[in-house]
């Protein structure tokens, strides 16, 4: 059950690509995502903005094109 960055079409809802994190560092994601108290393990979907994109790049070496795609952090099975 990995955490990933999902890239969707800007005009539509088709999944274009998904990058899985090999190491799911929940504490890291908790520190960078604005999440509600009732989602302590981050099962919801969270939009990737410029600041989050930069922090993920610094930690994991992954940067996504948020101008071209709708990008989000998600947990999936």
PDB file of N, CA and C in Angstrom:
ATOM      1  N   UNK A   1       0.840  -1.185   0.000  1.00  0.00           N
ATOM      2  CA  UNK A   1       0.000   0.000   0.000  1.00  0.00           C
ATOM      3  C   UNK A   1       0.883   1.245   0.000  1.00  0.00           C
ATOM      4  N   UNK A   2       1.413   1.587  -1.144  1.00  0.00           N
ATOM      5  CA  UNK A   2       2.361   2.696  -1.201  1.00  0.00           C
ATOM      6  C   UNK A   2       1.703   4.067  -1.311  1.00  0.00           C
ATOM      7  N   UNK A   3       2.472   5.052  -0.961  1.00  0.00           N
ATOM      8  CA  UNK A   3       2.089   6.440  -1.186  1.00  0.00           C
ATOM      9  C   UNK A   3       2.723   6.842  -2.511  1.00  0.00           C
ATOM     10  N   UNK A   4       2.064   7.713  -3.252  1.00  0.00           N
ATOM     11  CA  UNK A   4       2.552   8.071  -4.581  1.00  0.00           C
ATOM     12  C   UNK A   4       2.153   9.492  -4.929  1.00  0.00           C
ATOM     13  N   UNK A   5       2.803  10.015  -5.956  1.00  0.00           N
ATOM     14  CA  UNK A   5       2.366  11.253  -6.595  1.00  0.00           C
ATOM     15  C   UNK A   5       1.651  10.829  -7.869  1.00  0.00           C
ATOM     16  N   UNK A   6       0.421  11.266  -8.020  1.00  0.00           N
ATOM     17  CA  UNK A   6      -0.367  10.955  -9.215  1.00  0.00           C
ATOM     18  C   UNK A   6      -0.448  12.199 -10.087  1.00  0.00           C
ATOM     19  N   UNK A   7      -0.282  12.007 -11.394  1.00  0.00           N
ATOM     20  CA  UNK A   7      -0.379  13.084 -12.369  1.00  0.00           C
ATOM     21  C   UNK A   7      -1.599  12.839 -13.238  1.00  0.00           C
ATOM     22  N   UNK A   8      -2.479  13.833 -13.268  1.00  0.00           N
ATOM     23  CA  UNK A   8      -3.703  13.756 -14.063  1.00  0.00           C
ATOM     24  C   UNK A   8      -3.702  14.859 -15.106  1.00  0.00           C
ATOM     25  N   UNK A   9      -4.440  14.631 -16.194  1.00  0.00           N
ATOM     26  CA  UNK A   9      -4.624  15.660 -17.213  1.00  0.00           C
ATOM     27  C   UNK A   9      -5.208  16.918 -16.568  1.00  0.00           C
ATOM     28  N   UNK A  10      -4.771  18.079 -17.030  1.00  0.00           N
ATOM     29  CA  UNK A  10      -5.364  19.338 -16.559  1.00  0.00           C
ATOM     30  C   UNK A  10      -6.794  19.464 -17.060  1.00  0.00           C
ATOM     31  N   UNK A  11      -7.008  19.086 -18.303  1.00  0.00           N
ATOM     32  CA  UNK A  11      -8.335  19.162 -18.912  1.00  0.00           C
ATOM     33  C   UNK A  11      -8.894  17.745 -18.996  1.00  0.00           C
ATOM     34  N   UNK A  12      -9.477  17.285 -17.938  1.00  0.00           N
ATOM     35  CA  UNK A  12      -9.997  15.920 -17.885  1.00  0.00           C
ATOM     36  C   UNK A  12      -9.593  15.272 -16.580  1.00  0.00           C
ATOM     37  N   UNK A  13      -9.830  13.983 -16.494  1.00  0.00           N
ATOM     38  CA  UNK A  13      -9.492  13.305 -15.248  1.00  0.00           C
ATOM     39  C   UNK A  13      -8.725  12.005 -15.472  1.00  0.00           C
ATOM     40  N   UNK A  14      -8.097  11.879 -16.642  1.00  0.00           N
ATOM     41  CA  UNK A  14      -7.333  10.673 -16.946  1.00  0.00           C
ATOM     42  C   UNK A  14      -5.994  10.682 -16.204  1.00  0.00           C
ATOM     43  N   UNK A  15      -5.659   9.550 -15.591  1.00  0.00           N
ATOM     44  CA  UNK A  15      -4.368   9.381 -14.938  1.00  0.00           C
ATOM     45  C   UNK A  15      -3.295   9.263 -16.015  1.00  0.00           C
ATOM     46  N   UNK A  16      -2.271  10.122 -15.930  1.00  0.00           N
ATOM     47  CA  UNK A  16      -1.191  10.123 -16.909  1.00  0.00           C
ATOM     48  C   UNK A  16      -0.015   9.289 -16.403  1.00  0.00           C
ATOM     49  N   UNK A  17       0.308   9.430 -15.117  1.00  0.00           N
ATOM     50  CA  UNK A  17       1.437   8.707 -14.545  1.00  0.00           C
ATOM     51  C   UNK A  17       1.300   8.689 -13.027  1.00  0.00           C
ATOM     52  N   UNK A  18       2.022   7.776 -12.409  1.00  0.00           N
ATOM     53  CA  UNK A  18       2.038   7.687 -10.947  1.00  0.00           C
ATOM     54  C   UNK A  18       3.457   7.304 -10.535  1.00  0.00           C
ATOM     55  N   UNK A  19       4.015   8.067  -9.593  1.00  0.00           N
ATOM     56  CA  UNK A  19       5.345   7.792  -9.064  1.00  0.00           C
ATOM     57  C   UNK A  19       5.202   7.314  -7.627  1.00  0.00           C
ATOM     58  N   UNK A  20       5.576   6.068  -7.380  1.00  0.00           N
ATOM     59  CA  UNK A  20       5.487   5.516  -6.033  1.00  0.00           C
ATOM     60  C   UNK A  20       6.750   5.859  -5.251  1.00  0.00           C
ATOM     61  N   UNK A  21       6.573   6.156  -3.975  1.00  0.00           N
ATOM     62  CA  UNK A  21       7.705   6.371  -3.087  1.00  0.00           C
ATOM     63  C   UNK A  21       8.130   5.020  -2.538  1.00  0.00           C
ATOM     64  N   UNK A  22       9.410   4.694  -2.666  1.00  0.00           N
ATOM     65  CA  UNK A  22       9.899   3.409  -2.178  1.00  0.00           C
ATOM     66  C   UNK A  22       9.882   3.355  -0.656  1.00  0.00           C
ATOM     67  N   UNK A  23      10.067   4.506  -0.026  1.00  0.00           N
ATOM     68  CA  UNK A  23      10.040   4.593   1.435  1.00  0.00           C
ATOM     69  C   UNK A  23       8.932   5.565   1.821  1.00  0.00           C
ATOM     70  N   UNK A  24       7.899   5.061   2.469  1.00  0.00           N
ATOM     71  CA  UNK A  24       6.762   5.907   2.855  1.00  0.00           C
ATOM     72  C   UNK A  24       7.047   6.570   4.196  1.00  0.00           C
ATOM     73  N   UNK A  25       7.586   7.765   4.154  1.00  0.00           N
ATOM     74  CA  UNK A  25       7.947   8.516   5.350  1.00  0.00           C
ATOM     75  C   UNK A  25       6.742   9.352   5.804  1.00  0.00           C
ATOM     76  N   UNK A  26       5.864   8.734   6.582  1.00  0.00           N
ATOM     77  CA  UNK A  26       4.625   9.400   7.009  1.00  0.00           C
ATOM     78  C   UNK A  26       4.928  10.685   7.770  1.00  0.00           C
ATOM     79  N   UNK A  27       5.939  10.669   8.628  1.00  0.00           N
ATOM     80  CA  UNK A  27       6.283  11.875   9.398  1.00  0.00           C
ATOM     81  C   UNK A  27       6.654  13.035   8.472  1.00  0.00           C
ATOM     82  N   UNK A  28       7.380  12.743   7.411  1.00  0.00           N
ATOM     83  CA  UNK A  28       7.738  13.779   6.445  1.00  0.00           C
ATOM     84  C   UNK A  28       6.484  14.358   5.799  1.00  0.00           C
ATOM     85  N   UNK A  29       5.600  13.488   5.322  1.00  0.00           N
ATOM     86  CA  UNK A  29       4.386  13.969   4.659  1.00  0.00           C
ATOM     87  C   UNK A  29       3.479  14.721   5.633  1.00  0.00           C
ATOM     88  N   UNK A  30       3.416  14.272   6.874  1.00  0.00           N
ATOM     89  CA  UNK A  30       2.642  15.002   7.883  1.00  0.00           C
ATOM     90  C   UNK A  30       3.194  16.414   8.074  1.00  0.00           C
ATOM     91  N   UNK A  31       4.509  16.554   7.973  1.00  0.00           N
ATOM     92  CA  UNK A  31       5.133  17.861   8.201  1.00  0.00           C
ATOM     93  C   UNK A  31       4.934  18.833   7.040  1.00  0.00           C
ATOM     94  N   UNK A  32       4.695  18.328   5.831  1.00  0.00           N
ATOM     95  CA  UNK A  32       4.584  19.240   4.678  1.00  0.00           C
ATOM     96  C   UNK A  32       3.158  19.432   4.181  1.00  0.00           C
ATOM     97  N   UNK A  33       2.237  18.559   4.596  1.00  0.00           N
ATOM     98  CA  UNK A  33       0.863  18.641   4.098  1.00  0.00           C
ATOM     99  C   UNK A  33      -0.062  19.226   5.151  1.00  0.00           C
ATOM    100  N   UNK A  34      -0.962  20.082   4.716  1.00  0.00           N
ATOM    101  CA  UNK A  34      -1.988  20.639   5.590  1.00  0.00           C
ATOM    102  C   UNK A  34      -3.128  19.626   5.626  1.00  0.00           C
ATOM    103  N   UNK A  35      -3.218  18.887   6.724  1.00  0.00           N
ATOM    104  CA  UNK A  35      -4.174  17.782   6.811  1.00  0.00           C
ATOM    105  C   UNK A  35      -5.092  17.959   8.017  1.00  0.00           C
ATOM    106  N   UNK A  36      -6.309  17.458   7.928  1.00  0.00           N
ATOM    107  CA  UNK A  36      -7.232  17.544   9.064  1.00  0.00           C
ATOM    108  C   UNK A  36      -6.835  16.556  10.163  1.00  0.00           C
ATOM    109  N   UNK A  37      -7.259  16.838  11.373  1.00  0.00           N
ATOM    110  CA  UNK A  37      -6.949  15.972  12.511  1.00  0.00           C
ATOM    111  C   UNK A  37      -7.497  14.564  12.345  1.00  0.00           C
ATOM    112  N   UNK A  38      -8.592  14.422  11.600  1.00  0.00           N
ATOM    113  CA  UNK A  38      -9.197  13.096  11.444  1.00  0.00           C
ATOM    114  C   UNK A  38      -8.553  12.272  10.321  1.00  0.00           C
ATOM    115  N   UNK A  39      -7.403  12.726   9.805  1.00  0.00           N
ATOM    116  CA  UNK A  39      -6.656  11.965   8.802  1.00  0.00           C
ATOM    117  C   UNK A  39      -5.181  11.869   9.218  1.00  0.00           C
ATOM    118  N   UNK A  40      -4.896  11.244  10.370  1.00  0.00           N
ATOM    119  CA  UNK A  40      -3.526  11.219  10.891  1.00  0.00           C
ATOM    120  C   UNK A  40      -2.553  10.373  10.073  1.00  0.00           C
ATOM    121  N   UNK A  41      -3.057   9.481   9.233  1.00  0.00           N
ATOM    122  CA  UNK A  41      -2.179   8.651   8.401  1.00  0.00           C
ATOM    123  C   UNK A  41      -2.218   9.059   6.930  1.00  0.00           C
ATOM    124  N   UNK A  42      -2.876  10.176   6.653  1.00  0.00           N
ATOM    125  CA  UNK A  42      -2.905  10.777   5.314  1.00  0.00           C
ATOM    126  C   UNK A  42      -3.462   9.841   4.249  1.00  0.00           C
ATOM    127  N   UNK A  43      -4.656   9.349   4.486  1.00  0.00           N
ATOM    128  CA  UNK A  43      -5.331   8.514   3.489  1.00  0.00           C
ATOM    129  C   UNK A  43      -6.066   9.350   2.441  1.00  0.00           C
ATOM    130  N   UNK A  44      -6.309  10.626   2.728  1.00  0.00           N
ATOM    131  CA  UNK A  44      -6.960  11.506   1.758  1.00  0.00           C
ATOM    132  C   UNK A  44      -5.979  11.858   0.636  1.00  0.00           C
ATOM    133  N   UNK A  45      -6.473  12.560  -0.362  1.00  0.00           N
ATOM    134  CA  UNK A  45      -5.656  13.021  -1.487  1.00  0.00           C
ATOM    135  C   UNK A  45      -5.282  14.476  -1.224  1.00  0.00           C
ATOM    136  N   UNK A  46      -4.003  14.818  -1.443  1.00  0.00           N
ATOM    137  CA  UNK A  46      -3.508  16.162  -1.170  1.00  0.00           C
ATOM    138  C   UNK A  46      -2.837  16.737  -2.417  1.00  0.00           C
ATOM    139  N   UNK A  47      -3.257  17.933  -2.790  1.00  0.00           N
ATOM    140  CA  UNK A  47      -2.744  18.604  -3.993  1.00  0.00           C
ATOM    141  C   UNK A  47      -1.283  19.015  -3.785  1.00  0.00           C
ATOM    142  N   UNK A  48      -0.488  18.859  -4.835  1.00  0.00           N
ATOM    143  CA  UNK A  48       0.914  19.265  -4.819  1.00  0.00           C
ATOM    144  C   UNK A  48       1.008  20.686  -5.369  1.00  0.00           C
ATOM    145  N   UNK A  49       1.518  21.600  -4.540  1.00  0.00           N
ATOM    146  CA  UNK A  49       1.753  22.972  -4.988  1.00  0.00           C
ATOM    147  C   UNK A  49       3.267  23.179  -5.121  1.00  0.00           C
ATOM    148  N   UNK A  50       3.696  24.395  -5.441  1.00  0.00           N
ATOM    149  CA  UNK A  50       5.121  24.672  -5.646  1.00  0.00           C
ATOM    150  C   UNK A  50       5.962  24.347  -4.418  1.00  0.00           C
ATOM    151  N   UNK A  51       5.493  24.748  -3.252  1.00  0.00           N
ATOM    152  CA  UNK A  51       6.245  24.527  -2.016  1.00  0.00           C
ATOM    153  C   UNK A  51       6.382  23.031  -1.702  1.00  0.00           C
ATOM    154  N   UNK A  52       5.294  22.296  -1.814  1.00  0.00           N
ATOM    155  CA  UNK A  52       5.325  20.853  -1.554  1.00  0.00           C
ATOM    156  C   UNK A  52       6.193  20.155  -2.597  1.00  0.00           C
ATOM    157  N   UNK A  53       6.081  20.553  -3.849  1.00  0.00           N
ATOM    158  CA  UNK A  53       6.885  19.986  -4.929  1.00  0.00           C
ATOM    159  C   UNK A  53       8.377  20.140  -4.620  1.00  0.00           C
ATOM    160  N   UNK A  54       8.771  21.323  -4.166  1.00  0.00           N
ATOM    161  CA  UNK A  54      10.175  21.585  -3.839  1.00  0.00           C
ATOM    162  C   UNK A  54      10.641  20.716  -2.675  1.00  0.00           C
ATOM    163  N   UNK A  55       9.828  20.585  -1.634  1.00  0.00           N
ATOM    164  CA  UNK A  55      10.210  19.777  -0.468  1.00  0.00           C
ATOM    165  C   UNK A  55      10.332  18.295  -0.826  1.00  0.00           C
ATOM    166  N   UNK A  56       9.437  17.807  -1.674  1.00  0.00           N
ATOM    167  CA  UNK A  56       9.520  16.406  -2.120  1.00  0.00           C
ATOM    168  C   UNK A  56      10.780  16.200  -2.954  1.00  0.00           C
ATOM    169  N   UNK A  57      11.116  17.166  -3.794  1.00  0.00           N
ATOM    170  CA  UNK A  57      12.335  17.064  -4.594  1.00  0.00           C
ATOM    171  C   UNK A  57      13.567  17.016  -3.695  1.00  0.00           C
ATOM    172  N   UNK A  58      13.606  17.877  -2.679  1.00  0.00           N
ATOM    173  CA  UNK A  58      14.749  17.900  -1.767  1.00  0.00           C
ATOM    174  C   UNK A  58      14.900  16.578  -1.014  1.00  0.00           C
ATOM    175  N   UNK A  59      13.793  15.942  -0.675  1.00  0.00           N
ATOM    176  CA  UNK A  59      13.829  14.687   0.104  1.00  0.00           C
ATOM    177  C   UNK A  59      14.010  13.452  -0.781  1.00  0.00           C
ATOM    178  N   UNK A  60      13.274  13.384  -1.901  1.00  0.00           N
ATOM    179  CA  UNK A  60      13.231  12.161  -2.702  1.00  0.00           C
ATOM    180  C   UNK A  60      13.826  12.294  -4.109  1.00  0.00           C
ATOM    181  N   UNK A  61      14.120  13.519  -4.550  1.00  0.00           N
ATOM    182  CA  UNK A  61      14.658  13.706  -5.894  1.00  0.00           C
ATOM    183  C   UNK A  61      13.614  13.588  -6.992  1.00  0.00           C
ATOM    184  N   UNK A  62      12.340  13.777  -6.631  1.00  0.00           N
ATOM    185  CA  UNK A  62      11.238  13.715  -7.596  1.00  0.00           C
ATOM    186  C   UNK A  62      10.612  15.101  -7.694  1.00  0.00           C
ATOM    187  N   UNK A  63      10.559  15.657  -8.914  1.00  0.00           N
ATOM    188  CA  UNK A  63       9.853  16.914  -9.127  1.00  0.00           C
ATOM    189  C   UNK A  63       8.889  16.704 -10.286  1.00  0.00           C
ATOM    190  N   UNK A  64       7.662  17.147 -10.102  1.00  0.00           N
ATOM    191  CA  UNK A  64       6.644  16.970 -11.131  1.00  0.00           C
ATOM    192  C   UNK A  64       6.282  18.319 -11.747  1.00  0.00           C
ATOM    193  N   UNK A  65       5.756  18.284 -12.947  1.00  0.00           N
ATOM    194  CA  UNK A  65       5.375  19.492 -13.683  1.00  0.00           C
ATOM    195  C   UNK A  65       3.952  19.881 -13.291  1.00  0.00           C
ATOM    196  N   UNK A  66       3.837  20.728 -12.272  1.00  0.00           N
ATOM    197  CA  UNK A  66       2.506  21.107 -11.782  1.00  0.00           C
ATOM    198  C   UNK A  66       1.830  22.136 -12.685  1.00  0.00           C
ATOM    199  N   UNK A  67       2.573  22.679 -13.648  1.00  0.00           N
ATOM    200  CA  UNK A  67       1.959  23.575 -14.630  1.00  0.00           C
ATOM    201  C   UNK A  67       1.240  22.766 -15.713  1.00  0.00           C
ATOM    202  N   UNK A  68       1.777  21.610 -16.033  1.00  0.00           N
ATOM    203  CA  UNK A  68       1.233  20.777 -17.104  1.00  0.00           C
ATOM    204  C   UNK A  68       0.187  19.780 -16.597  1.00  0.00           C
ATOM    205  N   UNK A  69       0.330  19.314 -15.350  1.00  0.00           N
ATOM    206  CA  UNK A  69      -0.545  18.278 -14.805  1.00  0.00           C
ATOM    207  C   UNK A  69      -1.164  18.705 -13.478  1.00  0.00           C
ATOM    208  N   UNK A  70      -2.314  18.137 -13.150  1.00  0.00           N
ATOM    209  CA  UNK A  70      -2.869  18.220 -11.802  1.00  0.00           C
ATOM    210  C   UNK A  70      -2.196  17.107 -11.013  1.00  0.00           C
ATOM    211  N   UNK A  71      -1.456  17.463  -9.986  1.00  0.00           N
ATOM    212  CA  UNK A  71      -0.655  16.490  -9.245  1.00  0.00           C
ATOM    213  C   UNK A  71      -1.125  16.414  -7.800  1.00  0.00           C
ATOM    214  N   UNK A  72      -1.129  15.205  -7.278  1.00  0.00           N
ATOM    215  CA  UNK A  72      -1.561  15.019  -5.898  1.00  0.00           C
ATOM    216  C   UNK A  72      -0.791  13.882  -5.245  1.00  0.00           C
ATOM    217  N   UNK A  73      -0.719  13.970  -3.915  1.00  0.00           N
ATOM    218  CA  UNK A  73      -0.161  12.893  -3.100  1.00  0.00           C
ATOM    219  C   UNK A  73      -1.337  12.014  -2.715  1.00  0.00           C
ATOM    220  N   UNK A  74      -1.190  10.715  -2.887  1.00  0.00           N
ATOM    221  CA  UNK A  74      -2.288   9.806  -2.553  1.00  0.00           C
ATOM    222  C   UNK A  74      -1.742   8.521  -1.953  1.00  0.00           C
ATOM    223  N   UNK A  75      -2.596   7.837  -1.248  1.00  0.00           N
ATOM    224  CA  UNK A  75      -2.295   6.527  -0.680  1.00  0.00           C
ATOM    225  C   UNK A  75      -3.254   5.567  -1.343  1.00  0.00           C
ATOM    226  N   UNK A  76      -2.746   4.499  -1.913  1.00  0.00           N
ATOM    227  CA  UNK A  76      -3.643   3.593  -2.635  1.00  0.00           C
ATOM    228  C   UNK A  76      -3.249   2.144  -2.385  1.00  0.00           C
ATOM    229  N   UNK A  77      -4.167   1.265  -2.681  1.00  0.00           N
ATOM    230  CA  UNK A  77      -3.930  -0.176  -2.519  1.00  0.00           C
ATOM    231  C   UNK A  77      -3.889  -0.841  -3.867  1.00  0.00           C
TER     232      UNK A  77
END
